[in-house]
Amino acid sequence: MQLTYVNAEETSIEAMLDEGETLGHYTGPTTIYVPCDPANAEYADILANGYPIDPYVPPPEAVPR
């Protein structure tokens, strides 16, 4: 399972689940986007299990041509 914040404000998480991995109501393989809301089952699962979340990494700046 790979969890990564999708923005600098840390309001949403991209969760990439491999075959057989589960998160809340989802089973992999799949990619879902989880709002950082304690009422959300998938976010609650992340917190309850202490899954690590990778920090947001902004895309590289465009190189002027």
PDB file of N, CA and C in Angstrom:
ATOM      1  N   MET A   1       0.849  -1.168   0.000  1.00  0.00           N
ATOM      2  CA  MET A   1       0.000   0.000   0.000  1.00  0.00           C
ATOM      3  C   MET A   1       0.898   1.236   0.000  1.00  0.00           C
ATOM      4  N   GLN A   2       0.607   2.146  -0.892  1.00  0.00           N
ATOM      5  CA  GLN A   2       1.358   3.401  -0.986  1.00  0.00           C
ATOM      6  C   GLN A   2       0.393   4.549  -0.738  1.00  0.00           C
ATOM      7  N   LEU A   3       0.668   5.334   0.301  1.00  0.00           N
ATOM      8  CA  LEU A   3      -0.172   6.470   0.645  1.00  0.00           C
ATOM      9  C   LEU A   3       0.645   7.742   0.499  1.00  0.00           C
ATOM     10  N   THR A   4       0.092   8.732  -0.224  1.00  0.00           N
ATOM     11  CA  THR A   4       0.795   9.982  -0.467  1.00  0.00           C
ATOM     12  C   THR A   4      -0.189  11.144  -0.415  1.00  0.00           C
ATOM     13  N   TYR A   5       0.183  12.198   0.317  1.00  0.00           N
ATOM     14  CA  TYR A   5      -0.639  13.403   0.285  1.00  0.00           C
ATOM     15  C   TYR A   5      -0.630  13.968  -1.134  1.00  0.00           C
ATOM     16  N   VAL A   6      -1.782  14.459  -1.597  1.00  0.00           N
ATOM     17  CA  VAL A   6      -1.871  14.968  -2.966  1.00  0.00           C
ATOM     18  C   VAL A   6      -1.721  16.483  -3.059  1.00  0.00           C
ATOM     19  N   ASN A   7      -1.651  17.163  -1.889  1.00  0.00           N
ATOM     20  CA  ASN A   7      -1.458  18.608  -1.924  1.00  0.00           C
ATOM     21  C   ASN A   7      -0.721  19.062  -0.666  1.00  0.00           C
ATOM     22  N   ALA A   8      -0.196  20.265  -0.715  1.00  0.00           N
ATOM     23  CA  ALA A   8       0.591  20.803   0.400  1.00  0.00           C
ATOM     24  C   ALA A   8      -0.266  21.016   1.644  1.00  0.00           C
ATOM     25  N   GLU A   9      -1.559  21.207   1.477  1.00  0.00           N
ATOM     26  CA  GLU A   9      -2.463  21.427   2.600  1.00  0.00           C
ATOM     27  C   GLU A   9      -2.824  20.119   3.324  1.00  0.00           C
ATOM     28  N   GLU A  10      -2.442  18.992   2.745  1.00  0.00           N
ATOM     29  CA  GLU A  10      -2.697  17.662   3.303  1.00  0.00           C
ATOM     30  C   GLU A  10      -4.184  17.427   3.567  1.00  0.00           C
ATOM     31  N   THR A  11      -5.004  17.746   2.560  1.00  0.00           N
ATOM     32  CA  THR A  11      -6.447  17.557   2.682  1.00  0.00           C
ATOM     33  C   THR A  11      -6.936  16.289   1.988  1.00  0.00           C
ATOM     34  N   SER A  12      -6.059  15.619   1.232  1.00  0.00           N
ATOM     35  CA  SER A  12      -6.446  14.422   0.505  1.00  0.00           C
ATOM     36  C   SER A  12      -5.223  13.517   0.347  1.00  0.00           C
ATOM     37  N   ILE A  13      -5.489  12.210   0.264  1.00  0.00           N
ATOM     38  CA  ILE A  13      -4.435  11.210   0.156  1.00  0.00           C
ATOM     39  C   ILE A  13      -4.713  10.320  -1.044  1.00  0.00           C
ATOM     40  N   GLU A  14      -3.685  10.069  -1.849  1.00  0.00           N
ATOM     41  CA  GLU A  14      -3.776   9.061  -2.898  1.00  0.00           C
ATOM     42  C   GLU A  14      -3.367   7.731  -2.266  1.00  0.00           C
ATOM     43  N   ALA A  15      -4.246   6.739  -2.368  1.00  0.00           N
ATOM     44  CA  ALA A  15      -3.970   5.414  -1.818  1.00  0.00           C
ATOM     45  C   ALA A  15      -3.910   4.416  -2.963  1.00  0.00           C
ATOM     46  N   MET A  16      -2.736   3.852  -3.176  1.00  0.00           N
ATOM     47  CA  MET A  16      -2.544   2.836  -4.217  1.00  0.00           C
ATOM     48  C   MET A  16      -2.469   1.484  -3.520  1.00  0.00           C
ATOM     49  N   LEU A  17      -3.484   0.654  -3.767  1.00  0.00           N
ATOM     50  CA  LEU A  17      -3.571  -0.652  -3.122  1.00  0.00           C
ATOM     51  C   LEU A  17      -3.160  -1.741  -4.094  1.00  0.00           C
ATOM     52  N   ASP A  18      -2.298  -2.631  -3.636  1.00  0.00           N
ATOM     53  CA  ASP A  18      -1.907  -3.791  -4.426  1.00  0.00           C
ATOM     54  C   ASP A  18      -2.952  -4.890  -4.270  1.00  0.00           C
ATOM     55  N   GLU A  19      -2.831  -5.918  -5.077  1.00  0.00           N
ATOM     56  CA  GLU A  19      -3.742  -7.056  -5.051  1.00  0.00           C
ATOM     57  C   GLU A  19      -3.907  -7.573  -3.620  1.00  0.00           C
ATOM     58  N   GLY A  20      -5.164  -7.653  -3.172  1.00  0.00           N
ATOM     59  CA  GLY A  20      -5.466  -8.206  -1.864  1.00  0.00           C
ATOM     60  C   GLY A  20      -5.364  -7.246  -0.693  1.00  0.00           C
ATOM     61  N   GLU A  21      -4.767  -6.073  -0.872  1.00  0.00           N
ATOM     62  CA  GLU A  21      -4.695  -5.095   0.213  1.00  0.00           C
ATOM     63  C   GLU A  21      -6.051  -4.426   0.377  1.00  0.00           C
ATOM     64  N   THR A  22      -6.407  -4.113   1.618  1.00  0.00           N
ATOM     65  CA  THR A  22      -7.683  -3.458   1.876  1.00  0.00           C
ATOM     66  C   THR A  22      -7.468  -2.159   2.634  1.00  0.00           C
ATOM     67  N   LEU A  23      -8.373  -1.234   2.380  1.00  0.00           N
ATOM     68  CA  LEU A  23      -8.395   0.039   3.087  1.00  0.00           C
ATOM     69  C   LEU A  23      -9.852   0.460   3.169  1.00  0.00           C
ATOM     70  N   GLY A  24     -10.395   0.477   4.386  1.00  0.00           N
ATOM     71  CA  GLY A  24     -11.806   0.810   4.545  1.00  0.00           C
ATOM     72  C   GLY A  24     -12.670  -0.164   3.773  1.00  0.00           C
ATOM     73  N   HIS A  25     -13.434   0.360   2.809  1.00  0.00           N
ATOM     74  CA  HIS A  25     -14.348  -0.458   2.016  1.00  0.00           C
ATOM     75  C   HIS A  25     -13.746  -0.941   0.695  1.00  0.00           C
ATOM     76  N   TYR A  26     -12.471  -0.673   0.444  1.00  0.00           N
ATOM     77  CA  TYR A  26     -11.851  -0.989  -0.849  1.00  0.00           C
ATOM     78  C   TYR A  26     -10.835  -2.114  -0.725  1.00  0.00           C
ATOM     79  N   THR A  27     -10.736  -2.909  -1.788  1.00  0.00           N
ATOM     80  CA  THR A  27      -9.747  -3.974  -1.886  1.00  0.00           C
ATOM     81  C   THR A  27      -9.014  -3.809  -3.207  1.00  0.00           C
ATOM     82  N   GLY A  28      -7.682  -3.947  -3.165  1.00  0.00           N
ATOM     83  CA  GLY A  28      -6.852  -3.770  -4.354  1.00  0.00           C
ATOM     84  C   GLY A  28      -6.924  -4.949  -5.296  1.00  0.00           C
ATOM     85  N   PRO A  29      -6.455  -4.745  -6.501  1.00  0.00           N
ATOM     86  CA  PRO A  29      -5.684  -3.571  -6.908  1.00  0.00           C
ATOM     87  C   PRO A  29      -6.593  -2.409  -7.305  1.00  0.00           C
ATOM     88  N   THR A  30      -6.277  -1.258  -6.785  1.00  0.00           N
ATOM     89  CA  THR A  30      -7.010  -0.044  -7.129  1.00  0.00           C
ATOM     90  C   THR A  30      -6.251   1.177  -6.619  1.00  0.00           C
ATOM     91  N   THR A  31      -6.606   2.328  -7.140  1.00  0.00           N
ATOM     92  CA  THR A  31      -6.117   3.609  -6.636  1.00  0.00           C
ATOM     93  C   THR A  31      -7.335   4.435  -6.271  1.00  0.00           C
ATOM     94  N   ILE A  32      -7.334   4.958  -5.042  1.00  0.00           N
ATOM     95  CA  ILE A  32      -8.440   5.792  -4.588  1.00  0.00           C
ATOM     96  C   ILE A  32      -7.885   7.079  -4.002  1.00  0.00           C
ATOM     97  N   TYR A  33      -8.744   8.074  -3.904  1.00  0.00           N
ATOM     98  CA  TYR A  33      -8.377   9.349  -3.284  1.00  0.00           C
ATOM     99  C   TYR A  33      -9.226   9.512  -2.040  1.00  0.00           C
ATOM    100  N   VAL A  34      -8.552   9.687  -0.916  1.00  0.00           N
ATOM    101  CA  VAL A  34      -9.198   9.683   0.391  1.00  0.00           C
ATOM    102  C   VAL A  34      -9.164  11.084   0.992  1.00  0.00           C
ATOM    103  N   PRO A  35     -10.319  11.675   1.273  1.00  0.00           N
ATOM    104  CA  PRO A  35     -10.311  12.974   1.954  1.00  0.00           C
ATOM    105  C   PRO A  35      -9.860  12.786   3.409  1.00  0.00           C
ATOM    106  N   CYS A  36      -9.134  13.752   3.925  1.00  0.00           N
ATOM    107  CA  CYS A  36      -8.661  13.696   5.312  1.00  0.00           C
ATOM    108  C   CYS A  36      -9.776  14.171   6.236  1.00  0.00           C
ATOM    109  N   ASP A  37     -10.762  13.320   6.380  1.00  0.00           N
ATOM    110  CA  ASP A  37     -11.950  13.600   7.167  1.00  0.00           C
ATOM    111  C   ASP A  37     -12.172  12.406   8.088  1.00  0.00           C
ATOM    112  N   PRO A  38     -12.145  12.610   9.403  1.00  0.00           N
ATOM    113  CA  PRO A  38     -12.299  11.492  10.323  1.00  0.00           C
ATOM    114  C   PRO A  38     -13.587  10.683  10.120  1.00  0.00           C
ATOM    115  N   ALA A  39     -14.599  11.267   9.490  1.00  0.00           N
ATOM    116  CA  ALA A  39     -15.836  10.549   9.220  1.00  0.00           C
ATOM    117  C   ALA A  39     -15.710   9.607   8.023  1.00  0.00           C
ATOM    118  N   ASN A  40     -14.616   9.719   7.260  1.00  0.00           N
ATOM    119  CA  ASN A  40     -14.394   8.870   6.096  1.00  0.00           C
ATOM    120  C   ASN A  40     -13.807   7.536   6.554  1.00  0.00           C
ATOM    121  N   ALA A  41     -14.415   6.425   6.129  1.00  0.00           N
ATOM    122  CA  ALA A  41     -13.994   5.093   6.583  1.00  0.00           C
ATOM    123  C   ALA A  41     -12.546   4.786   6.216  1.00  0.00           C
ATOM    124  N   GLU A  42     -12.132   5.179   5.024  1.00  0.00           N
ATOM    125  CA  GLU A  42     -10.766   4.877   4.595  1.00  0.00           C
ATOM    126  C   GLU A  42      -9.755   5.702   5.399  1.00  0.00           C
ATOM    127  N   TYR A  43     -10.062   6.977   5.650  1.00  0.00           N
ATOM    128  CA  TYR A  43      -9.165   7.813   6.449  1.00  0.00           C
ATOM    129  C   TYR A  43      -9.099   7.294   7.887  1.00  0.00           C
ATOM    130  N   ALA A  44     -10.232   6.894   8.432  1.00  0.00           N
ATOM    131  CA  ALA A  44     -10.259   6.329   9.780  1.00  0.00           C
ATOM    132  C   ALA A  44      -9.393   5.072   9.859  1.00  0.00           C
ATOM    133  N   ASP A  45      -9.413   4.245   8.800  1.00  0.00           N
ATOM    134  CA  ASP A  45      -8.586   3.030   8.739  1.00  0.00           C
ATOM    135  C   ASP A  45      -7.102   3.400   8.731  1.00  0.00           C
ATOM    136  N   ILE A  46      -6.743   4.426   7.959  1.00  0.00           N
ATOM    137  CA  ILE A  46      -5.346   4.883   7.907  1.00  0.00           C
ATOM    138  C   ILE A  46      -4.887   5.291   9.309  1.00  0.00           C
ATOM    139  N   LEU A  47      -5.708   6.083   9.996  1.00  0.00           N
ATOM    140  CA  LEU A  47      -5.354   6.549  11.337  1.00  0.00           C
ATOM    141  C   LEU A  47      -5.293   5.398  12.336  1.00  0.00           C
ATOM    142  N   ALA A  48      -6.288   4.512  12.305  1.00  0.00           N
ATOM    143  CA  ALA A  48      -6.367   3.411  13.269  1.00  0.00           C
ATOM    144  C   ALA A  48      -5.171   2.474  13.169  1.00  0.00           C
ATOM    145  N   ASN A  49      -4.651   2.300  11.951  1.00  0.00           N
ATOM    146  CA  ASN A  49      -3.538   1.377  11.739  1.00  0.00           C
ATOM    147  C   ASN A  49      -2.177   2.073  11.711  1.00  0.00           C
ATOM    148  N   GLY A  50      -2.169   3.393  11.814  1.00  0.00           N
ATOM    149  CA  GLY A  50      -0.906   4.124  11.814  1.00  0.00           C
ATOM    150  C   GLY A  50      -0.121   3.987  10.525  1.00  0.00           C
ATOM    151  N   TYR A  51      -0.831   3.828   9.396  1.00  0.00           N
ATOM    152  CA  TYR A  51      -0.143   3.691   8.114  1.00  0.00           C
ATOM    153  C   TYR A  51       0.636   4.970   7.812  1.00  0.00           C
ATOM    154  N   PRO A  52       1.879   4.841   7.365  1.00  0.00           N
ATOM    155  CA  PRO A  52       2.651   6.041   7.033  1.00  0.00           C
ATOM    156  C   PRO A  52       2.142   6.678   5.739  1.00  0.00           C
ATOM    157  N   ILE A  53       2.155   7.999   5.714  1.00  0.00           N
ATOM    158  CA  ILE A  53       1.719   8.747   4.531  1.00  0.00           C
ATOM    159  C   ILE A  53       2.904   9.560   4.039  1.00  0.00           C
ATOM    160  N   ASP A  54       3.278   9.335   2.788  1.00  0.00           N
ATOM    161  CA  ASP A  54       4.390  10.086   2.213  1.00  0.00           C
ATOM    162  C   ASP A  54       3.990  11.542   2.024  1.00  0.00           C
ATOM    163  N   PRO A  55       4.957  12.446   2.173  1.00  0.00           N
ATOM    164  CA  PRO A  55       4.635  13.866   2.009  1.00  0.00           C
ATOM    165  C   PRO A  55       4.319  14.211   0.564  1.00  0.00           C
ATOM    166  N   TYR A  56       3.627  15.314   0.400  1.00  0.00           N
ATOM    167  CA  TYR A  56       3.343  15.865  -0.927  1.00  0.00           C
ATOM    168  C   TYR A  56       4.651  16.340  -1.559  1.00  0.00           C
ATOM    169  N   VAL A  57       4.824  16.020  -2.818  1.00  0.00           N
ATOM    170  CA  VAL A  57       5.972  16.501  -3.582  1.00  0.00           C
ATOM    171  C   VAL A  57       5.411  17.259  -4.783  1.00  0.00           C
ATOM    172  N   PRO A  58       5.635  18.573  -4.837  1.00  0.00           N
ATOM    173  CA  PRO A  58       5.086  19.338  -5.962  1.00  0.00           C
ATOM    174  C   PRO A  58       5.741  18.913  -7.274  1.00  0.00           C
ATOM    175  N   PRO A  59       4.998  19.038  -8.363  1.00  0.00           N
ATOM    176  CA  PRO A  59       5.581  18.702  -9.663  1.00  0.00           C
ATOM    177  C   PRO A  59       6.711  19.671  -9.982  1.00  0.00           C
ATOM    178  N   PRO A  60       7.661  19.235 -10.795  1.00  0.00           N
ATOM    179  CA  PRO A  60       8.759  20.132 -11.154  1.00  0.00           C
ATOM    180  C   PRO A  60       8.232  21.333 -11.947  1.00  0.00           C
ATOM    181  N   GLU A  61       8.894  22.454 -11.758  1.00  0.00           N
ATOM    182  CA  GLU A  61       8.496  23.647 -12.509  1.00  0.00           C
ATOM    183  C   GLU A  61       8.816  23.459 -13.983  1.00  0.00           C
ATOM    184  N   ALA A  62       7.952  24.030 -14.809  1.00  0.00           N
ATOM    185  CA  ALA A  62       8.157  23.937 -16.249  1.00  0.00           C
ATOM    186  C   ALA A  62       9.417  24.710 -16.625  1.00  0.00           C
ATOM    187  N   VAL A  63      10.163  24.145 -17.537  1.00  0.00           N
ATOM    188  CA  VAL A  63      11.372  24.795 -18.015  1.00  0.00           C
ATOM    189  C   VAL A  63      10.988  25.702 -19.189  1.00  0.00           C
ATOM    190  N   PRO A  64      11.299  26.986 -19.103  1.00  0.00           N
ATOM    191  CA  PRO A  64      10.973  27.886 -20.233  1.00  0.00           C
ATOM    192  C   PRO A  64      11.695  27.441 -21.508  1.00  0.00           C
ATOM    193  N   ARG A  65      11.029  27.594 -22.601  1.00  0.00           N
ATOM    194  CA  ARG A  65      11.660  27.220 -23.884  1.00  0.00           C
ATOM    195  C   ARG A  65      12.274  28.406 -24.549  1.00  0.00           C
TER     196      ARG A  65
END
